Amino acid sequence: MKKLLLLSALLIFTCSSDDDNSNTDACPAQDALLEQFEAAAVAFADSPSSTTCPAYISSLELFIQCGEGFTPSELEQFEQIVDTIDCSIY
């Protein structure tokens, strides 16, 4: 189930990515943001732990804040994933 959530988020992000640079203030470049998110998602999916879980949540929260080209519905899906994952169980 967790891997499905992670892969869903990754798929949504990859399919919705946009080259518009409207969020440049405190956000990494979109390529760097995607790389960070992918690395955290894969690490958490491969080895859920008290280290990889918060890293994944942090990368997803940054992604919600800085990702470009997403609909409100897609952002809500990302927020639901953040709300669903309980890092205290690791």
C-alpha atoms as a PDB file:
ATOM      1  CA  MET A   1       0.000   0.000   0.000  1.00  0.00           C
ATOM      2  CA  LYS A   2       2.782   2.432   0.930  1.00  0.00           C
ATOM      3  CA  LYS A   3       4.682   1.707  -2.255  1.00  0.00           C
ATOM      4  CA  LEU A   4       1.501   2.315  -4.218  1.00  0.00           C
ATOM      5  CA  LEU A   5       1.078   5.735  -2.582  1.00  0.00           C
ATOM      6  CA  LEU A   6       4.698   6.628  -3.255  1.00  0.00           C
ATOM      7  CA  LEU A   7       4.600   5.508  -6.842  1.00  0.00           C
ATOM      8  CA  SER A   8       1.297   7.316  -7.400  1.00  0.00           C
ATOM      9  CA  ALA A   9       2.796  10.550  -6.137  1.00  0.00           C
ATOM     10  CA  LEU A  10       5.848  10.059  -8.304  1.00  0.00           C
ATOM     11  CA  LEU A  11       3.734   9.326 -11.367  1.00  0.00           C
ATOM     12  CA  ILE A  12       1.538  12.369 -10.808  1.00  0.00           C
ATOM     13  CA  PHE A  13       4.583  14.579 -10.409  1.00  0.00           C
ATOM     14  CA  THR A  14       6.358  13.211 -13.447  1.00  0.00           C
ATOM     15  CA  CYS A  15       3.299  13.535 -15.664  1.00  0.00           C
ATOM     16  CA  SER A  16       2.431  17.017 -14.444  1.00  0.00           C
ATOM     17  CA  SER A  17       5.860  18.612 -14.503  1.00  0.00           C
ATOM     18  CA  ASP A  18       6.037  22.008 -16.182  1.00  0.00           C
ATOM     19  CA  ASP A  19       8.989  24.169 -17.217  1.00  0.00           C
ATOM     20  CA  ASP A  20       7.432  27.416 -15.967  1.00  0.00           C
ATOM     21  CA  ASN A  21       9.764  29.114 -13.454  1.00  0.00           C
ATOM     22  CA  SER A  22       7.219  30.999 -11.345  1.00  0.00           C
ATOM     23  CA  ASN A  23       8.333  29.575  -7.948  1.00  0.00           C
ATOM     24  CA  THR A  24      11.976  30.608  -7.974  1.00  0.00           C
ATOM     25  CA  ASP A  25      12.258  32.508  -4.653  1.00  0.00           C
ATOM     26  CA  ALA A  26      13.128  29.798  -2.121  1.00  0.00           C
ATOM     27  CA  CYS A  27      12.601  26.732  -4.248  1.00  0.00           C
ATOM     28  CA  PRO A  28      15.131  24.539  -5.989  1.00  0.00           C
ATOM     29  CA  ALA A  29      15.025  24.257  -9.749  1.00  0.00           C
ATOM     30  CA  GLN A  30      12.352  21.851 -10.965  1.00  0.00           C
ATOM     31  CA  ASP A  31      14.908  19.262 -12.101  1.00  0.00           C
ATOM     32  CA  ALA A  32      16.612  19.337  -8.701  1.00  0.00           C
ATOM     33  CA  LEU A  33      13.244  19.194  -6.951  1.00  0.00           C
ATOM     34  CA  LEU A  34      12.260  16.132  -8.976  1.00  0.00           C
ATOM     35  CA  GLU A  35      15.595  14.409  -8.309  1.00  0.00           C
ATOM     36  CA  GLN A  36      15.310  15.066  -4.566  1.00  0.00           C
ATOM     37  CA  PHE A  37      11.734  13.806  -4.464  1.00  0.00           C
ATOM     38  CA  GLU A  38      12.505  10.693  -6.521  1.00  0.00           C
ATOM     39  CA  ALA A  39      15.506   9.797  -4.355  1.00  0.00           C
ATOM     40  CA  ALA A  40      13.508  10.219  -1.134  1.00  0.00           C
ATOM     41  CA  ALA A  41      10.534   8.258  -2.504  1.00  0.00           C
ATOM     42  CA  VAL A  42      12.695   5.362  -3.681  1.00  0.00           C
ATOM     43  CA  ALA A  43      14.681   5.268  -0.419  1.00  0.00           C
ATOM     44  CA  PHE A  44      11.486   5.212   1.644  1.00  0.00           C
ATOM     45  CA  ALA A  45       9.810   2.604  -0.569  1.00  0.00           C
ATOM     46  CA  ASP A  46      12.890   0.367  -0.485  1.00  0.00           C
ATOM     47  CA  SER A  47      13.603   0.737   3.215  1.00  0.00           C
ATOM     48  CA  PRO A  48      10.957   2.456   5.339  1.00  0.00           C
ATOM     49  CA  SER A  49      12.627   3.739   8.523  1.00  0.00           C
ATOM     50  CA  SER A  50      12.736   6.576  11.017  1.00  0.00           C
ATOM     51  CA  THR A  51      15.250   8.257   8.690  1.00  0.00           C
ATOM     52  CA  THR A  52      13.747   7.686   5.251  1.00  0.00           C
ATOM     53  CA  CYS A  53      10.156   8.467   6.265  1.00  0.00           C
ATOM     54  CA  PRO A  54      10.737  12.059   7.455  1.00  0.00           C
ATOM     55  CA  ALA A  55      13.026  12.661   4.477  1.00  0.00           C
ATOM     56  CA  TYR A  56      10.259  11.531   2.145  1.00  0.00           C
ATOM     57  CA  ILE A  57       7.645  13.663   3.920  1.00  0.00           C
ATOM     58  CA  SER A  58       9.944  16.716   3.806  1.00  0.00           C
ATOM     59  CA  SER A  59      10.658  16.248   0.121  1.00  0.00           C
ATOM     60  CA  LEU A  60       6.950  15.829  -0.609  1.00  0.00           C
ATOM     61  CA  GLU A  61       6.071  18.971   1.375  1.00  0.00           C
ATOM     62  CA  LEU A  62       8.707  20.933  -0.544  1.00  0.00           C
ATOM     63  CA  PHE A  63       7.332  19.434  -3.706  1.00  0.00           C
ATOM     64  CA  ILE A  64       3.803  20.632  -2.788  1.00  0.00           C
ATOM     65  CA  GLN A  65       5.159  24.118  -2.120  1.00  0.00           C
ATOM     66  CA  CYS A  66       7.455  24.415  -5.135  1.00  0.00           C
ATOM     67  CA  GLY A  67       6.256  22.010  -7.803  1.00  0.00           C
ATOM     68  CA  GLU A  68       4.974  23.762 -10.888  1.00  0.00           C
ATOM     69  CA  GLY A  69       2.149  22.918 -13.235  1.00  0.00           C
ATOM     70  CA  PHE A  70      -0.143  21.095 -10.793  1.00  0.00           C
ATOM     71  CA  THR A  71      -3.886  21.399 -10.502  1.00  0.00           C
ATOM     72  CA  PRO A  72      -5.475  21.989  -7.093  1.00  0.00           C
ATOM     73  CA  SER A  73      -6.723  18.400  -7.243  1.00  0.00           C
ATOM     74  CA  GLU A  74      -3.212  17.039  -7.750  1.00  0.00           C
ATOM     75  CA  LEU A  75      -1.863  19.146  -4.891  1.00  0.00           C
ATOM     76  CA  GLU A  76      -4.673  17.819  -2.682  1.00  0.00           C
ATOM     77  CA  GLN A  77      -3.617  14.262  -3.561  1.00  0.00           C
ATOM     78  CA  PHE A  78      -0.062  15.040  -2.474  1.00  0.00           C
ATOM     79  CA  GLU A  79      -1.330  16.566   0.775  1.00  0.00           C
ATOM     80  CA  GLN A  80      -3.421  13.449   1.417  1.00  0.00           C
ATOM     81  CA  ILE A  81      -0.305  11.312   1.048  1.00  0.00           C
ATOM     82  CA  VAL A  82       1.515  13.499   3.591  1.00  0.00           C
ATOM     83  CA  ASP A  83      -1.444  13.166   5.971  1.00  0.00           C
ATOM     84  CA  THR A  84      -1.664   9.394   5.458  1.00  0.00           C
ATOM     85  CA  ILE A  85       1.946   8.472   6.247  1.00  0.00           C
ATOM     86  CA  ASP A  86       2.702   8.030   9.942  1.00  0.00           C
ATOM     87  CA  CYS A  87       6.460   8.173  10.467  1.00  0.00           C
ATOM     88  CA  SER A  88       6.066   7.363  14.189  1.00  0.00           C
ATOM     89  CA  ILE A  89       5.593   3.676  13.353  1.00  0.00           C
ATOM     90  CA  TYR A  90       9.183   3.327  12.165  1.00  0.00           C
END
